[in-house]
Amino acid sequence: MNKTNPKIMPVMMAPRARATDPIRLKAWHGAALAAFVVLVSIPAFAQADGARDSVFTALARWMPLLLKGFIFNVVISISAMAIGTLAGAALGLGQISLSSWVRKTSWFVTQFFRNAPWLVLLFFAMFLLPFELRIGGIIIPLPDYLKAIIGLSLPVMANVSEIVRGAVVSLPSGQWEAAESLAFTRTQVLWRIILPQCVKRMLPPWMNLYSILTMATVLASIVGVSEVMTLTGQVLAAEGGRTDLLLPIYSTVLLMFFIYCYPIARLTLRLEKKFAVKT
């Protein structure tokens, strides 16, 4: 019988192992991207007209306004994530309900909003929601930014629903059987045994979803919400359409999102490694 030399087995296995290893983000990846953005902006600084303010001066003058707009993007992302998480958690639990109609309805709503384009859902919320709600004698206004938050929370809700459902299903069936043998009700099993174990499984994909949502908040500029991209266009218009400001200003906005989202991506990878389920 042919025997494989154990000394050459690692060599034979190495290429396949390297091919399946995921690419991990490192700190120097972020530094390299930041340096690249700065380098590609250098020609714009060199083209600045001496009769007008320099690019540095223009950026310094408008930076507070851009930062204010970016903070508004962050507020939109946090609000949409909060609403989507609450609604998605309820929808995800509905997908594992013992009631057939609840389970099927939750599945349909999840798949509908999960596979719908984010921009279409945003337009749906902007144009179909009323400008104000009348409850008795109380008038509740619905400004554009609130509609944008609701529109962005819909796909978040659907994705969180799948995260919750997947986390619950991923637990071994022995967890349910052991709890039932101790005469726990289904509600007690979910809240005291199943969901606490699901938190560490749900946290990395939840954080990744939030990072994606933050980058998607710029879609609100299309429907007229005054966030960072809208303000960027206003800045360029106020500067008289200076072409030498295009690349520096948009690169600055890019760096804002990168500096905010990159640490989230790094932390997500750490949590994935820490909470990895060993088989």
C-alpha atoms as a PDB file:
ATOM      1  CA  MET A   1       0.000   0.000   0.000  1.00  0.00           C
ATOM      2  CA  ASN A   2       1.351   3.437  -0.945  1.00  0.00           C
ATOM      3  CA  LYS A   3       2.076   5.682   1.965  1.00  0.00           C
ATOM      4  CA  THR A   4       2.398   9.436   1.767  1.00  0.00           C
ATOM      5  CA  ASN A   5       5.538  10.857   3.254  1.00  0.00           C
ATOM      6  CA  PRO A   6       4.412  12.864   6.310  1.00  0.00           C
ATOM      7  CA  LYS A   7       7.186  15.383   5.672  1.00  0.00           C
ATOM      8  CA  ILE A   8       5.708  16.490   2.353  1.00  0.00           C
ATOM      9  CA  MET A   9       2.063  16.539   3.476  1.00  0.00           C
ATOM     10  CA  PRO A  10       2.232  20.091   4.899  1.00  0.00           C
ATOM     11  CA  VAL A  11       3.770  21.256   1.618  1.00  0.00           C
ATOM     12  CA  MET A  12       0.988  19.636  -0.373  1.00  0.00           C
ATOM     13  CA  MET A  13      -1.692  21.079   1.869  1.00  0.00           C
ATOM     14  CA  ALA A  14      -0.267  24.596   2.165  1.00  0.00           C
ATOM     15  CA  PRO A  15      -1.411  26.066  -1.190  1.00  0.00           C
ATOM     16  CA  ARG A  16      -4.990  24.972  -0.591  1.00  0.00           C
ATOM     17  CA  ALA A  17      -5.000  26.366   2.930  1.00  0.00           C
ATOM     18  CA  ARG A  18      -3.668  29.712   1.759  1.00  0.00           C
ATOM     19  CA  ALA A  19      -6.276  29.858  -0.995  1.00  0.00           C
ATOM     20  CA  THR A  20      -9.121  29.531   1.472  1.00  0.00           C
ATOM     21  CA  ASP A  21      -7.770  31.942   4.083  1.00  0.00           C
ATOM     22  CA  PRO A  22      -9.830  35.175   4.210  1.00  0.00           C
ATOM     23  CA  ILE A  23      -8.125  38.499   3.650  1.00  0.00           C
ATOM     24  CA  ARG A  24      -7.788  40.259   6.986  1.00  0.00           C
ATOM     25  CA  LEU A  25      -7.765  44.029   7.250  1.00  0.00           C
ATOM     26  CA  LYS A  26      -4.634  45.394   8.889  1.00  0.00           C
ATOM     27  CA  ALA A  27      -3.897  48.814  10.325  1.00  0.00           C
ATOM     28  CA  TRP A  28      -1.510  49.631   7.488  1.00  0.00           C
ATOM     29  CA  HIS A  29      -4.335  49.115   4.965  1.00  0.00           C
ATOM     30  CA  GLY A  30      -6.112  52.126   6.438  1.00  0.00           C
ATOM     31  CA  ALA A  31      -2.952  54.220   6.528  1.00  0.00           C
ATOM     32  CA  ALA A  32      -2.224  53.340   2.894  1.00  0.00           C
ATOM     33  CA  LEU A  33      -5.703  54.384   1.782  1.00  0.00           C
ATOM     34  CA  ALA A  34      -5.481  57.668   3.677  1.00  0.00           C
ATOM     35  CA  ALA A  35      -2.086  58.381   2.122  1.00  0.00           C
ATOM     36  CA  PHE A  36      -3.452  57.568  -1.343  1.00  0.00           C
ATOM     37  CA  VAL A  37      -6.340  60.029  -0.920  1.00  0.00           C
ATOM     38  CA  VAL A  38      -3.898  62.740   0.132  1.00  0.00           C
ATOM     39  CA  LEU A  39      -1.543  62.028  -2.784  1.00  0.00           C
ATOM     40  CA  VAL A  40      -4.248  62.147  -5.444  1.00  0.00           C
ATOM     41  CA  SER A  41      -5.358  65.522  -4.073  1.00  0.00           C
ATOM     42  CA  ILE A  42      -1.916  67.107  -4.520  1.00  0.00           C
ATOM     43  CA  PRO A  43      -2.484  68.058  -8.196  1.00  0.00           C
ATOM     44  CA  ALA A  44      -5.586  69.977  -7.164  1.00  0.00           C
ATOM     45  CA  PHE A  45      -3.570  72.005  -4.673  1.00  0.00           C
ATOM     46  CA  ALA A  46      -1.007  72.751  -7.368  1.00  0.00           C
ATOM     47  CA  GLN A  47      -3.707  73.995  -9.767  1.00  0.00           C
ATOM     48  CA  ALA A  48      -5.103  76.545  -7.319  1.00  0.00           C
ATOM     49  CA  ASP A  49      -5.427  80.044  -8.780  1.00  0.00           C
ATOM     50  CA  GLY A  50      -3.312  82.619  -6.954  1.00  0.00           C
ATOM     51  CA  ALA A  51      -6.055  85.226  -7.348  1.00  0.00           C
ATOM     52  CA  ARG A  52      -8.399  83.177  -5.187  1.00  0.00           C
ATOM     53  CA  ASP A  53      -8.112  81.566  -1.790  1.00  0.00           C
ATOM     54  CA  SER A  54      -5.886  78.517  -1.700  1.00  0.00           C
ATOM     55  CA  VAL A  55      -7.371  75.044  -1.461  1.00  0.00           C
ATOM     56  CA  PHE A  56      -6.148  74.771   2.138  1.00  0.00           C
ATOM     57  CA  THR A  57      -7.853  78.036   3.055  1.00  0.00           C
ATOM     58  CA  ALA A  58     -11.120  77.011   1.376  1.00  0.00           C
ATOM     59  CA  LEU A  59     -11.083  73.610   3.100  1.00  0.00           C
ATOM     60  CA  ALA A  60     -10.376  75.184   6.483  1.00  0.00           C
ATOM     61  CA  ARG A  61     -13.225  77.669   5.987  1.00  0.00           C
ATOM     62  CA  TRP A  62     -15.798  75.013   5.101  1.00  0.00           C
ATOM     63  CA  MET A  63     -14.573  72.192   7.342  1.00  0.00           C
ATOM     64  CA  PRO A  64     -16.902  73.059  10.296  1.00  0.00           C
ATOM     65  CA  LEU A  65     -19.908  72.885   7.976  1.00  0.00           C
ATOM     66  CA  LEU A  66     -18.770  69.566   6.482  1.00  0.00           C
ATOM     67  CA  LEU A  67     -18.182  68.117   9.939  1.00  0.00           C
ATOM     68  CA  LYS A  68     -21.641  69.254  10.998  1.00  0.00           C
ATOM     69  CA  GLY A  69     -23.120  67.480   7.981  1.00  0.00           C
ATOM     70  CA  PHE A  70     -21.146  64.314   8.691  1.00  0.00           C
ATOM     71  CA  ILE A  71     -22.332  64.294  12.306  1.00  0.00           C
ATOM     72  CA  PHE A  72     -25.877  64.473  10.949  1.00  0.00           C
ATOM     73  CA  ASN A  73     -25.094  61.386   8.827  1.00  0.00           C
ATOM     74  CA  VAL A  74     -23.979  59.598  11.986  1.00  0.00           C
ATOM     75  CA  VAL A  75     -27.184  60.635  13.776  1.00  0.00           C
ATOM     76  CA  ILE A  76     -29.242  59.283  10.874  1.00  0.00           C
ATOM     77  CA  SER A  77     -27.331  55.992  10.920  1.00  0.00           C
ATOM     78  CA  ILE A  78     -27.674  55.525  14.684  1.00  0.00           C
ATOM     79  CA  SER A  79     -31.397  56.345  14.615  1.00  0.00           C
ATOM     80  CA  ALA A  80     -32.118  54.072  11.650  1.00  0.00           C
ATOM     81  CA  MET A  81     -30.072  51.281  13.245  1.00  0.00           C
ATOM     82  CA  ALA A  82     -31.966  51.585  16.528  1.00  0.00           C
ATOM     83  CA  ILE A  83     -35.379  51.464  14.856  1.00  0.00           C
ATOM     84  CA  GLY A  84     -34.342  48.692  12.483  1.00  0.00           C
ATOM     85  CA  THR A  85     -32.825  46.617  15.277  1.00  0.00           C
ATOM     86  CA  LEU A  86     -35.957  46.745  17.440  1.00  0.00           C
ATOM     87  CA  ALA A  87     -38.290  45.964  14.553  1.00  0.00           C
ATOM     88  CA  GLY A  88     -35.918  43.365  13.101  1.00  0.00           C
ATOM     89  CA  ALA A  89     -35.556  41.530  16.411  1.00  0.00           C
ATOM     90  CA  ALA A  90     -39.333  41.180  16.652  1.00  0.00           C
ATOM     91  CA  LEU A  91     -39.502  40.106  13.008  1.00  0.00           C
ATOM     92  CA  GLY A  92     -36.711  37.570  13.487  1.00  0.00           C
ATOM     93  CA  LEU A  93     -38.469  36.020  16.472  1.00  0.00           C
ATOM     94  CA  GLY A  94     -41.599  35.901  14.327  1.00  0.00           C
ATOM     95  CA  GLN A  95     -39.725  33.754  11.812  1.00  0.00           C
ATOM     96  CA  ILE A  96     -39.202  31.066  14.448  1.00  0.00           C
ATOM     97  CA  SER A  97     -42.729  31.317  15.852  1.00  0.00           C
ATOM     98  CA  LEU A  98     -44.769  28.153  16.340  1.00  0.00           C
ATOM     99  CA  SER A  99     -47.697  29.872  14.621  1.00  0.00           C
ATOM    100  CA  SER A 100     -47.658  29.098  10.924  1.00  0.00           C
ATOM    101  CA  TRP A 101     -49.213  32.387   9.762  1.00  0.00           C
ATOM    102  CA  VAL A 102     -46.876  34.474  11.954  1.00  0.00           C
ATOM    103  CA  ARG A 103     -43.858  32.562  10.674  1.00  0.00           C
ATOM    104  CA  LYS A 104     -44.874  32.866   7.010  1.00  0.00           C
ATOM    105  CA  THR A 105     -45.812  36.546   7.304  1.00  0.00           C
ATOM    106  CA  SER A 106     -42.523  37.378   9.046  1.00  0.00           C
ATOM    107  CA  TRP A 107     -40.596  35.469   6.383  1.00  0.00           C
ATOM    108  CA  PHE A 108     -42.362  37.325   3.562  1.00  0.00           C
ATOM    109  CA  VAL A 109     -41.791  40.774   5.107  1.00  0.00           C
ATOM    110  CA  THR A 110     -38.128  39.911   5.740  1.00  0.00           C
ATOM    111  CA  GLN A 111     -37.478  38.722   2.213  1.00  0.00           C
ATOM    112  CA  PHE A 112     -39.386  41.625   0.640  1.00  0.00           C
ATOM    113  CA  PHE A 113     -37.431  44.383   2.374  1.00  0.00           C
ATOM    114  CA  ARG A 114     -34.155  42.462   2.369  1.00  0.00           C
ATOM    115  CA  ASN A 115     -34.172  42.139  -1.420  1.00  0.00           C
ATOM    116  CA  ALA A 116     -35.505  45.622  -2.205  1.00  0.00           C
ATOM    117  CA  PRO A 117     -33.074  48.384  -3.301  1.00  0.00           C
ATOM    118  CA  TRP A 118     -32.274  50.770  -0.483  1.00  0.00           C
ATOM    119  CA  LEU A 119     -32.788  53.836  -2.671  1.00  0.00           C
ATOM    120  CA  VAL A 120     -36.250  52.656  -3.758  1.00  0.00           C
ATOM    121  CA  LEU A 121     -37.245  52.152  -0.114  1.00  0.00           C
ATOM    122  CA  LEU A 122     -35.942  55.626   0.651  1.00  0.00           C
ATOM    123  CA  PHE A 123     -38.078  57.173  -2.107  1.00  0.00           C
ATOM    124  CA  PHE A 124     -40.992  55.060  -0.889  1.00  0.00           C
ATOM    125  CA  ALA A 125     -40.717  56.568   2.580  1.00  0.00           C
ATOM    126  CA  MET A 126     -40.123  60.118   1.319  1.00  0.00           C
ATOM    127  CA  PHE A 127     -43.103  60.324  -1.037  1.00  0.00           C
ATOM    128  CA  LEU A 128     -45.692  57.994   0.508  1.00  0.00           C
ATOM    129  CA  LEU A 129     -45.402  59.084   4.125  1.00  0.00           C
ATOM    130  CA  PRO A 130     -47.437  62.230   4.935  1.00  0.00           C
ATOM    131  CA  PHE A 131     -45.853  65.542   5.874  1.00  0.00           C
ATOM    132  CA  GLU A 132     -47.600  65.416   9.229  1.00  0.00           C
ATOM    133  CA  LEU A 133     -49.711  63.152  11.378  1.00  0.00           C
ATOM    134  CA  ARG A 134     -52.900  64.260  13.090  1.00  0.00           C
ATOM    135  CA  ILE A 135     -53.758  62.377  16.268  1.00  0.00           C
ATOM    136  CA  GLY A 136     -56.839  63.955  17.743  1.00  0.00           C
ATOM    137  CA  GLY A 137     -55.987  67.618  18.086  1.00  0.00           C
ATOM    138  CA  ILE A 138     -52.216  66.998  18.061  1.00  0.00           C
ATOM    139  CA  ILE A 139     -50.212  67.572  14.881  1.00  0.00           C
ATOM    140  CA  ILE A 140     -46.944  65.640  14.617  1.00  0.00           C
ATOM    141  CA  PRO A 141     -44.703  66.873  11.763  1.00  0.00           C
ATOM    142  CA  LEU A 142     -42.659  64.384   9.744  1.00  0.00           C
ATOM    143  CA  PRO A 143     -39.617  66.251   8.379  1.00  0.00           C
ATOM    144  CA  ASP A 144     -37.545  64.870   5.522  1.00  0.00           C
ATOM    145  CA  TYR A 145     -34.747  63.613   7.745  1.00  0.00           C
ATOM    146  CA  LEU A 146     -37.243  61.586   9.809  1.00  0.00           C
ATOM    147  CA  LYS A 147     -38.648  60.037   6.638  1.00  0.00           C
ATOM    148  CA  ALA A 148     -35.104  59.198   5.563  1.00  0.00           C
ATOM    149  CA  ILE A 149     -34.478  57.480   8.895  1.00  0.00           C
ATOM    150  CA  ILE A 150     -37.641  55.415   8.467  1.00  0.00           C
ATOM    151  CA  GLY A 151     -36.736  54.556   4.873  1.00  0.00           C
ATOM    152  CA  LEU A 152     -33.234  53.389   5.810  1.00  0.00           C
ATOM    153  CA  SER A 153     -34.513  51.435   8.805  1.00  0.00           C
ATOM    154  CA  LEU A 154     -36.606  49.150   6.565  1.00  0.00           C
ATOM    155  CA  PRO A 155     -33.693  47.207   4.982  1.00  0.00           C
ATOM    156  CA  VAL A 156     -31.924  47.242   8.342  1.00  0.00           C
ATOM    157  CA  MET A 157     -35.006  45.646   9.884  1.00  0.00           C
ATOM    158  CA  ALA A 158     -34.993  42.857   7.304  1.00  0.00           C
ATOM    159  CA  ASN A 159     -31.280  42.138   7.688  1.00  0.00           C
ATOM    160  CA  VAL A 160     -31.472  42.152  11.490  1.00  0.00           C
ATOM    161  CA  SER A 161     -34.380  39.736  11.223  1.00  0.00           C
ATOM    162  CA  GLU A 162     -32.169  37.309   9.318  1.00  0.00           C
ATOM    163  CA  ILE A 163     -29.332  37.819  11.796  1.00  0.00           C
ATOM    164  CA  VAL A 164     -31.626  36.942  14.705  1.00  0.00           C
ATOM    165  CA  ARG A 165     -33.160  33.954  12.940  1.00  0.00           C
ATOM    166  CA  GLY A 166     -29.771  32.622  11.862  1.00  0.00           C
ATOM    167  CA  ALA A 167     -28.306  33.008  15.345  1.00  0.00           C
ATOM    168  CA  VAL A 168     -31.206  31.147  16.965  1.00  0.00           C
ATOM    169  CA  VAL A 169     -31.162  28.352  14.395  1.00  0.00           C
ATOM    170  CA  SER A 170     -27.381  27.965  14.719  1.00  0.00           C
ATOM    171  CA  LEU A 171     -27.630  26.872  18.358  1.00  0.00           C
ATOM    172  CA  PRO A 172     -27.606  23.104  18.942  1.00  0.00           C
ATOM    173  CA  SER A 173     -31.026  21.533  19.371  1.00  0.00           C
ATOM    174  CA  GLY A 174     -29.828  20.101  22.672  1.00  0.00           C
ATOM    175  CA  GLN A 175     -30.216  23.571  24.202  1.00  0.00           C
ATOM    176  CA  TRP A 176     -33.952  23.476  23.534  1.00  0.00           C
ATOM    177  CA  GLU A 177     -34.312  19.878  24.657  1.00  0.00           C
ATOM    178  CA  ALA A 178     -32.445  20.462  27.908  1.00  0.00           C
ATOM    179  CA  ALA A 179     -34.572  23.511  28.720  1.00  0.00           C
ATOM    180  CA  GLU A 180     -37.805  21.689  27.916  1.00  0.00           C
ATOM    181  CA  SER A 181     -36.761  18.815  30.158  1.00  0.00           C
ATOM    182  CA  LEU A 182     -36.572  21.345  33.008  1.00  0.00           C
ATOM    183  CA  ALA A 183     -40.171  22.421  32.315  1.00  0.00           C
ATOM    184  CA  PHE A 184     -39.256  25.865  30.962  1.00  0.00           C
ATOM    185  CA  THR A 185     -41.883  27.528  28.806  1.00  0.00           C
ATOM    186  CA  ARG A 186     -40.940  28.571  25.273  1.00  0.00           C
ATOM    187  CA  THR A 187     -40.774  32.215  26.317  1.00  0.00           C
ATOM    188  CA  GLN A 188     -38.462  31.378  29.217  1.00  0.00           C
ATOM    189  CA  VAL A 189     -36.266  29.276  26.941  1.00  0.00           C
ATOM    190  CA  LEU A 190     -35.917  32.135  24.462  1.00  0.00           C
ATOM    191  CA  TRP A 191     -35.223  34.960  26.913  1.00  0.00           C
ATOM    192  CA  ARG A 192     -33.180  33.088  29.525  1.00  0.00           C
ATOM    193  CA  ILE A 193     -31.249  30.500  27.524  1.00  0.00           C
ATOM    194  CA  ILE A 194     -31.323  30.958  23.743  1.00  0.00           C
ATOM    195  CA  LEU A 195     -31.123  34.718  23.173  1.00  0.00           C
ATOM    196  CA  PRO A 196     -28.302  35.353  25.701  1.00  0.00           C
ATOM    197  CA  GLN A 197     -26.176  32.823  23.812  1.00  0.00           C
ATOM    198  CA  CYS A 198     -27.116  34.411  20.485  1.00  0.00           C
ATOM    199  CA  VAL A 199     -25.788  37.864  21.393  1.00  0.00           C
ATOM    200  CA  LYS A 200     -22.157  37.025  20.693  1.00  0.00           C
ATOM    201  CA  ARG A 201     -23.141  35.393  17.398  1.00  0.00           C
ATOM    202  CA  MET A 202     -25.236  38.374  16.308  1.00  0.00           C
ATOM    203  CA  LEU A 203     -22.853  41.154  17.348  1.00  0.00           C
ATOM    204  CA  PRO A 204     -20.255  40.927  14.503  1.00  0.00           C
ATOM    205  CA  PRO A 205     -22.784  40.865  11.623  1.00  0.00           C
ATOM    206  CA  TRP A 206     -24.823  43.549  13.383  1.00  0.00           C
ATOM    207  CA  MET A 207     -21.785  45.832  13.552  1.00  0.00           C
ATOM    208  CA  ASN A 208     -20.967  45.110   9.926  1.00  0.00           C
ATOM    209  CA  LEU A 209     -24.538  46.049   8.985  1.00  0.00           C
ATOM    210  CA  TYR A 210     -24.211  49.320  10.880  1.00  0.00           C
ATOM    211  CA  SER A 211     -21.029  50.158   8.974  1.00  0.00           C
ATOM    212  CA  ILE A 212     -22.824  49.524   5.671  1.00  0.00           C
ATOM    213  CA  LEU A 213     -25.763  51.640   6.825  1.00  0.00           C
ATOM    214  CA  THR A 214     -23.476  54.539   7.748  1.00  0.00           C
ATOM    215  CA  MET A 215     -21.998  54.575   4.263  1.00  0.00           C
ATOM    216  CA  ALA A 216     -25.492  54.350   2.753  1.00  0.00           C
ATOM    217  CA  THR A 217     -26.720  57.487   4.555  1.00  0.00           C
ATOM    218  CA  VAL A 218     -25.358  59.577   1.668  1.00  0.00           C
ATOM    219  CA  LEU A 219     -28.392  58.328  -0.304  1.00  0.00           C
ATOM    220  CA  ALA A 220     -30.427  60.787   1.738  1.00  0.00           C
ATOM    221  CA  SER A 221     -28.834  63.606  -0.270  1.00  0.00           C
ATOM    222  CA  ILE A 222     -30.769  62.431  -3.337  1.00  0.00           C
ATOM    223  CA  VAL A 223     -34.074  63.130  -1.611  1.00  0.00           C
ATOM    224  CA  GLY A 224     -33.038  66.549  -0.328  1.00  0.00           C
ATOM    225  CA  VAL A 225     -31.858  65.850   3.221  1.00  0.00           C
ATOM    226  CA  SER A 226     -29.109  68.297   4.217  1.00  0.00           C
ATOM    227  CA  GLU A 227     -26.399  65.824   5.124  1.00  0.00           C
ATOM    228  CA  VAL A 228     -22.711  65.928   4.245  1.00  0.00           C
ATOM    229  CA  MET A 229     -23.064  65.245   0.507  1.00  0.00           C
ATOM    230  CA  THR A 230     -25.765  67.884   0.134  1.00  0.00           C
ATOM    231  CA  LEU A 231     -23.615  70.391   1.991  1.00  0.00           C
ATOM    232  CA  THR A 232     -20.632  69.464  -0.174  1.00  0.00           C
ATOM    233  CA  GLY A 233     -22.569  70.432  -3.272  1.00  0.00           C
ATOM    234  CA  GLN A 234     -23.595  73.700  -1.629  1.00  0.00           C
ATOM    235  CA  VAL A 235     -19.977  74.443  -0.717  1.00  0.00           C
ATOM    236  CA  LEU A 236     -18.843  73.932  -4.310  1.00  0.00           C
ATOM    237  CA  ALA A 237     -21.659  76.163  -5.547  1.00  0.00           C
ATOM    238  CA  ALA A 238     -20.721  78.855  -3.027  1.00  0.00           C
ATOM    239  CA  GLU A 239     -17.123  78.732  -4.265  1.00  0.00           C
ATOM    240  CA  GLY A 240     -18.258  79.520  -7.788  1.00  0.00           C
ATOM    241  CA  GLY A 241     -17.820  76.017  -9.174  1.00  0.00           C
ATOM    242  CA  ARG A 242     -14.062  75.838  -8.619  1.00  0.00           C
ATOM    243  CA  THR A 243     -12.900  72.628 -10.272  1.00  0.00           C
ATOM    244  CA  ASP A 244      -9.715  72.577  -8.195  1.00  0.00           C
ATOM    245  CA  LEU A 245     -11.854  72.005  -5.072  1.00  0.00           C
ATOM    246  CA  LEU A 246     -13.699  68.957  -6.378  1.00  0.00           C
ATOM    247  CA  LEU A 247     -11.111  66.317  -5.548  1.00  0.00           C
ATOM    248  CA  PRO A 248      -9.931  67.769  -2.205  1.00  0.00           C
ATOM    249  CA  ILE A 249     -13.441  68.252  -0.827  1.00  0.00           C
ATOM    250  CA  TYR A 250     -14.769  64.878  -1.905  1.00  0.00           C
ATOM    251  CA  SER A 251     -11.564  63.241  -0.655  1.00  0.00           C
ATOM    252  CA  THR A 252     -12.134  64.933   2.701  1.00  0.00           C
ATOM    253  CA  VAL A 253     -15.656  63.511   2.869  1.00  0.00           C
ATOM    254  CA  LEU A 254     -14.270  60.099   1.932  1.00  0.00           C
ATOM    255  CA  LEU A 255     -11.738  60.289   4.762  1.00  0.00           C
ATOM    256  CA  MET A 256     -14.476  61.231   7.232  1.00  0.00           C
ATOM    257  CA  PHE A 257     -16.413  58.077   6.465  1.00  0.00           C
ATOM    258  CA  PHE A 258     -13.251  55.985   6.395  1.00  0.00           C
ATOM    259  CA  ILE A 259     -12.013  57.231   9.768  1.00  0.00           C
ATOM    260  CA  TYR A 260     -15.418  56.485  11.285  1.00  0.00           C
ATOM    261  CA  CYS A 261     -16.119  53.096   9.644  1.00  0.00           C
ATOM    262  CA  TYR A 262     -12.649  51.544   9.561  1.00  0.00           C
ATOM    263  CA  PRO A 263     -12.351  51.061  13.360  1.00  0.00           C
ATOM    264  CA  ILE A 264     -15.791  49.419  13.289  1.00  0.00           C
ATOM    265  CA  ALA A 265     -14.567  46.986  10.639  1.00  0.00           C
ATOM    266  CA  ARG A 266     -11.452  46.213  12.680  1.00  0.00           C
ATOM    267  CA  LEU A 267     -13.494  45.631  15.826  1.00  0.00           C
ATOM    268  CA  THR A 268     -15.888  43.411  13.892  1.00  0.00           C
ATOM    269  CA  LEU A 269     -13.015  41.185  12.791  1.00  0.00           C
ATOM    270  CA  ARG A 270     -11.775  40.923  16.368  1.00  0.00           C
ATOM    271  CA  LEU A 271     -15.210  39.943  17.611  1.00  0.00           C
ATOM    272  CA  GLU A 272     -15.602  37.390  14.831  1.00  0.00           C
ATOM    273  CA  LYS A 273     -12.334  35.801  15.876  1.00  0.00           C
ATOM    274  CA  LYS A 274     -13.188  35.968  19.585  1.00  0.00           C
ATOM    275  CA  PHE A 275     -16.706  34.572  19.229  1.00  0.00           C
ATOM    276  CA  ALA A 276     -15.928  32.055  16.491  1.00  0.00           C
ATOM    277  CA  VAL A 277     -17.830  28.820  17.033  1.00  0.00           C
ATOM    278  CA  LYS A 278     -15.376  25.937  17.204  1.00  0.00           C
ATOM    279  CA  THR A 279     -16.500  22.745  15.557  1.00  0.00           C
END
